[in-house]
Amino acid sequence: MSAKHLIATTDFCVYHQLEHTFITGLQEAGLLQITIVNNTPHIPESELHKLERMIRLHNELDINIAGIEAITHLLKRIEDTQEEMRLLKNSLKAYE
């Protein structure tokens, strides 16, 4: 991945007024992928949407990392179920 698609975690934390421990906690919980470049942790651009959603849960609803982990897991299950339903509906249409 090229460096132009990465954002330094320190820059991200300053911009969003976050403690670096929050980003580290998300990474340790397996909720966020961090890339190390020149001994500096960076956030891939592809992770930004997910990260900003987790920041909103934390800041606006005062949800801790364990709660964010549970919510993320449940949202993933809902998305998987919706995808399965979509595939089943498409299969049923073939028999109509």
PDB file of N, CA and C in Angstrom:
ATOM      1  N   MET A   1       0.864  -1.180   0.000  1.00  0.00           N
ATOM      2  CA  MET A   1       0.000   0.000   0.000  1.00  0.00           C
ATOM      3  C   MET A   1       0.899   1.228   0.000  1.00  0.00           C
ATOM      4  N   SER A   2       0.600   2.148  -0.854  1.00  0.00           N
ATOM      5  CA  SER A   2       1.439   3.347  -0.945  1.00  0.00           C
ATOM      6  C   SER A   2       1.142   4.298   0.217  1.00  0.00           C
ATOM      7  N   ALA A   3       2.127   5.103   0.528  1.00  0.00           N
ATOM      8  CA  ALA A   3       2.007   6.021   1.667  1.00  0.00           C
ATOM      9  C   ALA A   3       0.927   7.067   1.453  1.00  0.00           C
ATOM     10  N   LYS A   4       0.557   7.331   0.208  1.00  0.00           N
ATOM     11  CA  LYS A   4      -0.467   8.357  -0.014  1.00  0.00           C
ATOM     12  C   LYS A   4      -1.856   7.895   0.412  1.00  0.00           C
ATOM     13  N   HIS A   5      -2.013   6.584   0.657  1.00  0.00           N
ATOM     14  CA  HIS A   5      -3.295   6.054   1.115  1.00  0.00           C
ATOM     15  C   HIS A   5      -3.278   5.746   2.604  1.00  0.00           C
ATOM     16  N   LEU A   6      -2.338   6.343   3.311  1.00  0.00           N
ATOM     17  CA  LEU A   6      -2.199   6.135   4.750  1.00  0.00           C
ATOM     18  C   LEU A   6      -2.229   7.469   5.476  1.00  0.00           C
ATOM     19  N   ILE A   7      -2.778   7.436   6.691  1.00  0.00           N
ATOM     20  CA  ILE A   7      -2.831   8.639   7.525  1.00  0.00           C
ATOM     21  C   ILE A   7      -2.152   8.302   8.846  1.00  0.00           C
ATOM     22  N   ALA A   8      -1.201   9.110   9.246  1.00  0.00           N
ATOM     23  CA  ALA A   8      -0.512   8.875  10.519  1.00  0.00           C
ATOM     24  C   ALA A   8      -1.511   8.954  11.666  1.00  0.00           C
ATOM     25  N   THR A   9      -1.415   8.005  12.584  1.00  0.00           N
ATOM     26  CA  THR A   9      -2.354   7.994  13.703  1.00  0.00           C
ATOM     27  C   THR A   9      -2.237   9.253  14.557  1.00  0.00           C
ATOM     28  N   THR A  10      -1.030   9.789  14.670  1.00  0.00           N
ATOM     29  CA  THR A  10      -0.870  11.015  15.463  1.00  0.00           C
ATOM     30  C   THR A  10      -1.627  12.177  14.827  1.00  0.00           C
ATOM     31  N   ASP A  11      -1.548  12.308  13.491  1.00  0.00           N
ATOM     32  CA  ASP A  11      -2.287  13.367  12.791  1.00  0.00           C
ATOM     33  C   ASP A  11      -3.791  13.172  12.945  1.00  0.00           C
ATOM     34  N   PHE A  12      -4.233  11.922  12.823  1.00  0.00           N
ATOM     35  CA  PHE A  12      -5.650  11.614  12.952  1.00  0.00           C
ATOM     36  C   PHE A  12      -6.158  11.958  14.349  1.00  0.00           C
ATOM     37  N   CYS A  13      -5.378  11.583  15.360  1.00  0.00           N
ATOM     38  CA  CYS A  13      -5.783  11.853  16.748  1.00  0.00           C
ATOM     39  C   CYS A  13      -5.833  13.351  17.038  1.00  0.00           C
ATOM     40  N   VAL A  14      -4.882  14.093  16.520  1.00  0.00           N
ATOM     41  CA  VAL A  14      -4.886  15.548  16.716  1.00  0.00           C
ATOM     42  C   VAL A  14      -6.113  16.157  16.057  1.00  0.00           C
ATOM     43  N   TYR A  15      -6.402  15.759  14.817  1.00  0.00           N
ATOM     44  CA  TYR A  15      -7.534  16.322  14.081  1.00  0.00           C
ATOM     45  C   TYR A  15      -8.867  16.026  14.782  1.00  0.00           C
ATOM     46  N   HIS A  16      -9.020  14.795  15.285  1.00  0.00           N
ATOM     47  CA  HIS A  16     -10.277  14.382  15.915  1.00  0.00           C
ATOM     48  C   HIS A  16     -10.277  14.567  17.429  1.00  0.00           C
ATOM     49  N   GLN A  17      -9.200  15.142  17.968  1.00  0.00           N
ATOM     50  CA  GLN A  17      -9.053  15.369  19.403  1.00  0.00           C
ATOM     51  C   GLN A  17      -9.277  14.082  20.200  1.00  0.00           C
ATOM     52  N   LEU A  18      -8.529  13.038  19.798  1.00  0.00           N
ATOM     53  CA  LEU A  18      -8.619  11.730  20.430  1.00  0.00           C
ATOM     54  C   LEU A  18      -7.336  11.403  21.176  1.00  0.00           C
ATOM     55  N   GLU A  19      -7.454  10.574  22.168  1.00  0.00           N
ATOM     56  CA  GLU A  19      -6.286  10.000  22.818  1.00  0.00           C
ATOM     57  C   GLU A  19      -5.771   8.875  21.924  1.00  0.00           C
ATOM     58  N   HIS A  20      -4.468   8.762  21.826  1.00  0.00           N
ATOM     59  CA  HIS A  20      -3.882   7.706  21.005  1.00  0.00           C
ATOM     60  C   HIS A  20      -4.256   6.326  21.542  1.00  0.00           C
ATOM     61  N   THR A  21      -4.527   6.229  22.839  1.00  0.00           N
ATOM     62  CA  THR A  21      -4.896   4.951  23.448  1.00  0.00           C
ATOM     63  C   THR A  21      -6.210   4.413  22.890  1.00  0.00           C
ATOM     64  N   PHE A  22      -7.099   5.313  22.439  1.00  0.00           N
ATOM     65  CA  PHE A  22      -8.358   4.868  21.847  1.00  0.00           C
ATOM     66  C   PHE A  22      -8.085   4.102  20.561  1.00  0.00           C
ATOM     67  N   ILE A  23      -7.219   4.641  19.707  1.00  0.00           N
ATOM     68  CA  ILE A  23      -6.859   3.976  18.455  1.00  0.00           C
ATOM     69  C   ILE A  23      -6.165   2.653  18.749  1.00  0.00           C
ATOM     70  N   THR A  24      -5.260   2.669  19.723  1.00  0.00           N
ATOM     71  CA  THR A  24      -4.543   1.446  20.104  1.00  0.00           C
ATOM     72  C   THR A  24      -5.520   0.394  20.639  1.00  0.00           C
ATOM     73  N   GLY A  25      -6.471   0.830  21.423  1.00  0.00           N
ATOM     74  CA  GLY A  25      -7.486  -0.089  21.964  1.00  0.00           C
ATOM     75  C   GLY A  25      -8.322  -0.724  20.877  1.00  0.00           C
ATOM     76  N   LEU A  26      -8.693   0.068  19.879  1.00  0.00           N
ATOM     77  CA  LEU A  26      -9.457  -0.477  18.756  1.00  0.00           C
ATOM     78  C   LEU A  26      -8.637  -1.509  17.991  1.00  0.00           C
ATOM     79  N   GLN A  27      -7.365  -1.217  17.831  1.00  0.00           N
ATOM     80  CA  GLN A  27      -6.489  -2.160  17.137  1.00  0.00           C
ATOM     81  C   GLN A  27      -6.351  -3.451  17.947  1.00  0.00           C
ATOM     82  N   GLU A  28      -6.138  -3.346  19.234  1.00  0.00           N
ATOM     83  CA  GLU A  28      -5.988  -4.523  20.083  1.00  0.00           C
ATOM     84  C   GLU A  28      -7.256  -5.365  20.121  1.00  0.00           C
ATOM     85  N   ALA A  29      -8.416  -4.727  19.976  1.00  0.00           N
ATOM     86  CA  ALA A  29      -9.685  -5.448  19.953  1.00  0.00           C
ATOM     87  C   ALA A  29      -9.959  -6.071  18.588  1.00  0.00           C
ATOM     88  N   GLY A  30      -9.108  -5.788  17.615  1.00  0.00           N
ATOM     89  CA  GLY A  30      -9.298  -6.343  16.279  1.00  0.00           C
ATOM     90  C   GLY A  30     -10.295  -5.570  15.438  1.00  0.00           C
ATOM     91  N   LEU A  31     -10.619  -4.362  15.866  1.00  0.00           N
ATOM     92  CA  LEU A  31     -11.602  -3.555  15.147  1.00  0.00           C
ATOM     93  C   LEU A  31     -10.973  -2.644  14.107  1.00  0.00           C
ATOM     94  N   LEU A  32      -9.661  -2.479  14.157  1.00  0.00           N
ATOM     95  CA  LEU A  32      -8.986  -1.531  13.283  1.00  0.00           C
ATOM     96  C   LEU A  32      -7.642  -2.099  12.847  1.00  0.00           C
ATOM     97  N   GLN A  33      -7.353  -1.971  11.574  1.00  0.00           N
ATOM     98  CA  GLN A  33      -6.062  -2.400  11.043  1.00  0.00           C
ATOM     99  C   GLN A  33      -5.120  -1.192  11.020  1.00  0.00           C
ATOM    100  N   ILE A  34      -3.943  -1.383  11.549  1.00  0.00           N
ATOM    101  CA  ILE A  34      -2.924  -0.332  11.569  1.00  0.00           C
ATOM    102  C   ILE A  34      -1.724  -0.826  10.770  1.00  0.00           C
ATOM    103  N   THR A  35      -1.160   0.059   9.952  1.00  0.00           N
ATOM    104  CA  THR A  35       0.027  -0.253   9.169  1.00  0.00           C
ATOM    105  C   THR A  35       1.194   0.541   9.728  1.00  0.00           C
ATOM    106  N   ILE A  36       2.311  -0.116   9.923  1.00  0.00           N
ATOM    107  CA  ILE A  36       3.509   0.546  10.444  1.00  0.00           C
ATOM    108  C   ILE A  36       4.417   0.912   9.272  1.00  0.00           C
ATOM    109  N   VAL A  37       4.743   2.214   9.155  1.00  0.00           N
ATOM    110  CA  VAL A  37       5.660   2.707   8.133  1.00  0.00           C
ATOM    111  C   VAL A  37       6.712   3.549   8.842  1.00  0.00           C
ATOM    112  N   ASN A  38       7.982   3.157   8.701  1.00  0.00           N
ATOM    113  CA  ASN A  38       9.088   3.873   9.360  1.00  0.00           C
ATOM    114  C   ASN A  38       8.852   4.011  10.865  1.00  0.00           C
ATOM    115  N   ASN A  39       8.447   2.925  11.492  1.00  0.00           N
ATOM    116  CA  ASN A  39       8.175   2.873  12.934  1.00  0.00           C
ATOM    117  C   ASN A  39       7.070   3.819  13.384  1.00  0.00           C
ATOM    118  N   THR A  40       6.227   4.254  12.464  1.00  0.00           N
ATOM    119  CA  THR A  40       5.108   5.133  12.792  1.00  0.00           C
ATOM    120  C   THR A  40       3.805   4.440  12.384  1.00  0.00           C
ATOM    121  N   PRO A  41       2.856   4.309  13.310  1.00  0.00           N
ATOM    122  CA  PRO A  41       1.591   3.668  12.943  1.00  0.00           C
ATOM    123  C   PRO A  41       0.750   4.581  12.038  1.00  0.00           C
ATOM    124  N   HIS A  42       0.151   3.971  11.026  1.00  0.00           N
ATOM    125  CA  HIS A  42      -0.698   4.682  10.077  1.00  0.00           C
ATOM    126  C   HIS A  42      -2.028   3.943   9.916  1.00  0.00           C
ATOM    127  N   ILE A  43      -3.054   4.707   9.591  1.00  0.00           N
ATOM    128  CA  ILE A  43      -4.382   4.156   9.342  1.00  0.00           C
ATOM    129  C   ILE A  43      -4.592   4.118   7.835  1.00  0.00           C
ATOM    130  N   PRO A  44      -4.908   2.941   7.289  1.00  0.00           N
ATOM    131  CA  PRO A  44      -5.201   2.880   5.853  1.00  0.00           C
ATOM    132  C   PRO A  44      -6.474   3.665   5.527  1.00  0.00           C
ATOM    133  N   GLU A  45      -6.490   4.276   4.385  1.00  0.00           N
ATOM    134  CA  GLU A  45      -7.643   5.060   3.947  1.00  0.00           C
ATOM    135  C   GLU A  45      -8.917   4.220   3.942  1.00  0.00           C
ATOM    136  N   SER A  46      -8.781   2.939   3.648  1.00  0.00           N
ATOM    137  CA  SER A  46      -9.942   2.043   3.583  1.00  0.00           C
ATOM    138  C   SER A  46     -10.600   1.837   4.956  1.00  0.00           C
ATOM    139  N   GLU A  47      -9.905   2.145   6.028  1.00  0.00           N
ATOM    140  CA  GLU A  47     -10.427   1.970   7.387  1.00  0.00           C
ATOM    141  C   GLU A  47     -11.116   3.229   7.928  1.00  0.00           C
ATOM    142  N   LEU A  48     -11.012   4.332   7.227  1.00  0.00           N
ATOM    143  CA  LEU A  48     -11.491   5.615   7.768  1.00  0.00           C
ATOM    144  C   LEU A  48     -12.988   5.633   8.051  1.00  0.00           C
ATOM    145  N   HIS A  49     -13.798   5.136   7.134  1.00  0.00           N
ATOM    146  CA  HIS A  49     -15.249   5.167   7.334  1.00  0.00           C
ATOM    147  C   HIS A  49     -15.621   4.394   8.604  1.00  0.00           C
ATOM    148  N   LYS A  50     -15.058   3.211   8.737  1.00  0.00           N
ATOM    149  CA  LYS A  50     -15.330   2.373   9.909  1.00  0.00           C
ATOM    150  C   LYS A  50     -14.830   3.056  11.186  1.00  0.00           C
ATOM    151  N   LEU A  51     -13.650   3.635  11.130  1.00  0.00           N
ATOM    152  CA  LEU A  51     -13.069   4.301  12.298  1.00  0.00           C
ATOM    153  C   LEU A  51     -13.899   5.507  12.718  1.00  0.00           C
ATOM    154  N   GLU A  52     -14.331   6.305  11.768  1.00  0.00           N
ATOM    155  CA  GLU A  52     -15.132   7.486  12.107  1.00  0.00           C
ATOM    156  C   GLU A  52     -16.478   7.090  12.707  1.00  0.00           C
ATOM    157  N   ARG A  53     -17.055   5.972  12.259  1.00  0.00           N
ATOM    158  CA  ARG A  53     -18.301   5.488  12.862  1.00  0.00           C
ATOM    159  C   ARG A  53     -18.054   5.093  14.317  1.00  0.00           C
ATOM    160  N   MET A  54     -16.920   4.432  14.580  1.00  0.00           N
ATOM    161  CA  MET A  54     -16.597   4.030  15.949  1.00  0.00           C
ATOM    162  C   MET A  54     -16.324   5.247  16.834  1.00  0.00           C
ATOM    163  N   ILE A  55     -15.728   6.275  16.279  1.00  0.00           N
ATOM    164  CA  ILE A  55     -15.477   7.512  17.040  1.00  0.00           C
ATOM    165  C   ILE A  55     -16.802   8.169  17.417  1.00  0.00           C
ATOM    166  N   ARG A  56     -17.751   8.190  16.488  1.00  0.00           N
ATOM    167  CA  ARG A  56     -19.068   8.763  16.802  1.00  0.00           C
ATOM    168  C   ARG A  56     -19.762   7.974  17.907  1.00  0.00           C
ATOM    169  N   LEU A  57     -19.682   6.647  17.857  1.00  0.00           N
ATOM    170  CA  LEU A  57     -20.270   5.830  18.928  1.00  0.00           C
ATOM    171  C   LEU A  57     -19.628   6.166  20.268  1.00  0.00           C
ATOM    172  N   HIS A  58     -18.322   6.346  20.260  1.00  0.00           N
ATOM    173  CA  HIS A  58     -17.596   6.638  21.494  1.00  0.00           C
ATOM    174  C   HIS A  58     -17.897   8.042  22.012  1.00  0.00           C
ATOM    175  N   ASN A  59     -17.831   9.027  21.149  1.00  0.00           N
ATOM    176  CA  ASN A  59     -17.989  10.421  21.581  1.00  0.00           C
ATOM    177  C   ASN A  59     -19.442  10.817  21.821  1.00  0.00           C
ATOM    178  N   GLU A  60     -20.318  10.471  20.895  1.00  0.00           N
ATOM    179  CA  GLU A  60     -21.699  10.942  20.992  1.00  0.00           C
ATOM    180  C   GLU A  60     -22.552  10.097  21.936  1.00  0.00           C
ATOM    181  N   LEU A  61     -22.262   8.799  22.015  1.00  0.00           N
ATOM    182  CA  LEU A  61     -23.075   7.916  22.854  1.00  0.00           C
ATOM    183  C   LEU A  61     -22.321   7.402  24.071  1.00  0.00           C
ATOM    184  N   ASP A  62     -21.057   7.815  24.216  1.00  0.00           N
ATOM    185  CA  ASP A  62     -20.232   7.440  25.359  1.00  0.00           C
ATOM    186  C   ASP A  62     -20.125   5.919  25.512  1.00  0.00           C
ATOM    187  N   ILE A  63     -19.881   5.240  24.396  1.00  0.00           N
ATOM    188  CA  ILE A  63     -19.751   3.786  24.393  1.00  0.00           C
ATOM    189  C   ILE A  63     -18.264   3.430  24.438  1.00  0.00           C
ATOM    190  N   ASN A  64     -17.921   2.510  25.308  1.00  0.00           N
ATOM    191  CA  ASN A  64     -16.514   2.105  25.436  1.00  0.00           C
ATOM    192  C   ASN A  64     -16.136   1.119  24.327  1.00  0.00           C
ATOM    193  N   ILE A  65     -14.873   0.713  24.315  1.00  0.00           N
ATOM    194  CA  ILE A  65     -14.377  -0.142  23.232  1.00  0.00           C
ATOM    195  C   ILE A  65     -15.068  -1.499  23.238  1.00  0.00           C
ATOM    196  N   ALA A  66     -15.345  -2.054  24.406  1.00  0.00           N
ATOM    197  CA  ALA A  66     -16.046  -3.342  24.468  1.00  0.00           C
ATOM    198  C   ALA A  66     -17.450  -3.214  23.864  1.00  0.00           C
ATOM    199  N   GLY A  67     -18.119  -2.116  24.139  1.00  0.00           N
ATOM    200  CA  GLY A  67     -19.441  -1.878  23.563  1.00  0.00           C
ATOM    201  C   GLY A  67     -19.367  -1.688  22.057  1.00  0.00           C
ATOM    202  N   ILE A  68     -18.354  -0.974  21.605  1.00  0.00           N
ATOM    203  CA  ILE A  68     -18.166  -0.768  20.166  1.00  0.00           C
ATOM    204  C   ILE A  68     -17.905  -2.105  19.486  1.00  0.00           C
ATOM    205  N   GLU A  69     -17.145  -2.962  20.158  1.00  0.00           N
ATOM    206  CA  GLU A  69     -16.861  -4.289  19.610  1.00  0.00           C
ATOM    207  C   GLU A  69     -18.154  -5.093  19.464  1.00  0.00           C
ATOM    208  N   ALA A  70     -19.015  -5.050  20.460  1.00  0.00           N
ATOM    209  CA  ALA A  70     -20.287  -5.770  20.417  1.00  0.00           C
ATOM    210  C   ALA A  70     -21.188  -5.205  19.324  1.00  0.00           C
ATOM    211  N   ILE A  71     -21.274  -3.899  19.234  1.00  0.00           N
ATOM    212  CA  ILE A  71     -22.110  -3.254  18.217  1.00  0.00           C
ATOM    213  C   ILE A  71     -21.606  -3.588  16.818  1.00  0.00           C
ATOM    214  N   THR A  72     -20.297  -3.539  16.632  1.00  0.00           N
ATOM    215  CA  THR A  72     -19.714  -3.854  15.332  1.00  0.00           C
ATOM    216  C   THR A  72     -20.009  -5.298  14.943  1.00  0.00           C
ATOM    217  N   HIS A  73     -19.903  -6.197  15.907  1.00  0.00           N
ATOM    218  CA  HIS A  73     -20.200  -7.607  15.644  1.00  0.00           C
ATOM    219  C   HIS A  73     -21.663  -7.794  15.231  1.00  0.00           C
ATOM    220  N   LEU A  74     -22.570  -7.146  15.957  1.00  0.00           N
ATOM    221  CA  LEU A  74     -23.996  -7.267  15.635  1.00  0.00           C
ATOM    222  C   LEU A  74     -24.325  -6.648  14.275  1.00  0.00           C
ATOM    223  N   LEU A  75     -23.720  -5.503  13.968  1.00  0.00           N
ATOM    224  CA  LEU A  75     -23.949  -4.886  12.657  1.00  0.00           C
ATOM    225  C   LEU A  75     -23.454  -5.779  11.528  1.00  0.00           C
ATOM    226  N   LYS A  76     -22.331  -6.445  11.746  1.00  0.00           N
ATOM    227  CA  LYS A  76     -21.795  -7.377  10.748  1.00  0.00           C
ATOM    228  C   LYS A  76     -22.745  -8.543  10.547  1.00  0.00           C
ATOM    229  N   ARG A  77     -23.307  -9.057  11.627  1.00  0.00           N
ATOM    230  CA  ARG A  77     -24.279 -10.161  11.509  1.00  0.00           C
ATOM    231  C   ARG A  77     -25.528  -9.711  10.765  1.00  0.00           C
ATOM    232  N   ILE A  78     -25.977  -8.502  11.012  1.00  0.00           N
ATOM    233  CA  ILE A  78     -27.154  -7.981  10.296  1.00  0.00           C
ATOM    234  C   ILE A  78     -26.850  -7.859   8.814  1.00  0.00           C
ATOM    235  N   GLU A  79     -25.689  -7.314   8.476  1.00  0.00           N
ATOM    236  CA  GLU A  79     -25.305  -7.180   7.064  1.00  0.00           C
ATOM    237  C   GLU A  79     -25.208  -8.540   6.393  1.00  0.00           C
ATOM    238  N   ASP A  80     -24.639  -9.530   7.082  1.00  0.00           N
ATOM    239  CA  ASP A  80     -24.541 -10.880   6.521  1.00  0.00           C
ATOM    240  C   ASP A  80     -25.917 -11.485   6.299  1.00  0.00           C
ATOM    241  N   THR A  81     -26.821 -11.283   7.263  1.00  0.00           N
ATOM    242  CA  THR A  81     -28.181 -11.799   7.137  1.00  0.00           C
ATOM    243  C   THR A  81     -28.918 -11.128   5.981  1.00  0.00           C
ATOM    244  N   GLN A  82     -28.745  -9.830   5.836  1.00  0.00           N
ATOM    245  CA  GLN A  82     -29.386  -9.123   4.728  1.00  0.00           C
ATOM    246  C   GLN A  82     -28.859  -9.614   3.385  1.00  0.00           C
ATOM    247  N   GLU A  83     -27.561  -9.869   3.309  1.00  0.00           N
ATOM    248  CA  GLU A  83     -26.971 -10.388   2.074  1.00  0.00           C
ATOM    249  C   GLU A  83     -27.507 -11.785   1.764  1.00  0.00           C
ATOM    250  N   GLU A  84     -27.621 -12.599   2.786  1.00  0.00           N
ATOM    251  CA  GLU A  84     -28.167 -13.942   2.593  1.00  0.00           C
ATOM    252  C   GLU A  84     -29.611 -13.873   2.118  1.00  0.00           C
ATOM    253  N   MET A  85     -30.400 -12.971   2.707  1.00  0.00           N
ATOM    254  CA  MET A  85     -31.798 -12.803   2.280  1.00  0.00           C
ATOM    255  C   MET A  85     -31.874 -12.338   0.829  1.00  0.00           C
ATOM    256  N   ARG A  86     -30.978 -11.444   0.443  1.00  0.00           N
ATOM    257  CA  ARG A  86     -30.964 -10.966  -0.927  1.00  0.00           C
ATOM    258  C   ARG A  86     -30.667 -12.114  -1.897  1.00  0.00           C
ATOM    259  N   LEU A  87     -29.710 -12.948  -1.552  1.00  0.00           N
ATOM    260  CA  LEU A  87     -29.366 -14.086  -2.393  1.00  0.00           C
ATOM    261  C   LEU A  87     -30.514 -15.086  -2.480  1.00  0.00           C
ATOM    262  N   LEU A  88     -31.184 -15.335  -1.345  1.00  0.00           N
ATOM    263  CA  LEU A  88     -32.315 -16.239  -1.352  1.00  0.00           C
ATOM    264  C   LEU A  88     -33.477 -15.712  -2.183  1.00  0.00           C
ATOM    265  N   LYS A  89     -33.724 -14.412  -2.090  1.00  0.00           N
ATOM    266  CA  LYS A  89     -34.789 -13.802  -2.905  1.00  0.00           C
ATOM    267  C   LYS A  89     -34.472 -13.942  -4.389  1.00  0.00           C
ATOM    268  N   ASN A  90     -33.218 -13.723  -4.733  1.00  0.00           N
ATOM    269  CA  ASN A  90     -32.821 -13.875  -6.129  1.00  0.00           C
ATOM    270  C   ASN A  90     -32.972 -15.319  -6.599  1.00  0.00           C
ATOM    271  N   SER A  91     -32.688 -16.278  -5.723  1.00  0.00           N
ATOM    272  CA  SER A  91     -32.853 -17.684  -6.066  1.00  0.00           C
ATOM    273  C   SER A  91     -34.326 -18.024  -6.255  1.00  0.00           C
ATOM    274  N   LEU A  92     -35.179 -17.458  -5.411  1.00  0.00           N
ATOM    275  CA  LEU A  92     -36.612 -17.706  -5.516  1.00  0.00           C
ATOM    276  C   LEU A  92     -37.190 -17.134  -6.805  1.00  0.00           C
ATOM    277  N   LYS A  93     -36.663 -16.003  -7.236  1.00  0.00           N
ATOM    278  CA  LYS A  93     -37.153 -15.401  -8.470  1.00  0.00           C
ATOM    279  C   LYS A  93     -36.908 -16.301  -9.661  1.00  0.00           C
ATOM    280  N   ALA A  94     -35.895 -17.117  -9.605  1.00  0.00           N
ATOM    281  CA  ALA A  94     -35.603 -18.050 -10.706  1.00  0.00           C
ATOM    282  C   ALA A  94     -36.702 -19.104 -10.844  1.00  0.00           C
ATOM    283  N   TYR A  95     -37.421 -19.397  -9.760  1.00  0.00           N
ATOM    284  CA  TYR A  95     -38.493 -20.391  -9.797  1.00  0.00           C
ATOM    285  C   TYR A  95     -39.864 -19.801 -10.090  1.00  0.00           C
ATOM    286  N   GLU A  96     -39.952 -18.502 -10.166  1.00  0.00           N
ATOM    287  CA  GLU A  96     -41.248 -17.850 -10.441  1.00  0.00           C
ATOM    288  C   GLU A  96     -41.581 -17.894 -11.895  1.00  0.00           C
TER     289      GLU A  96
END
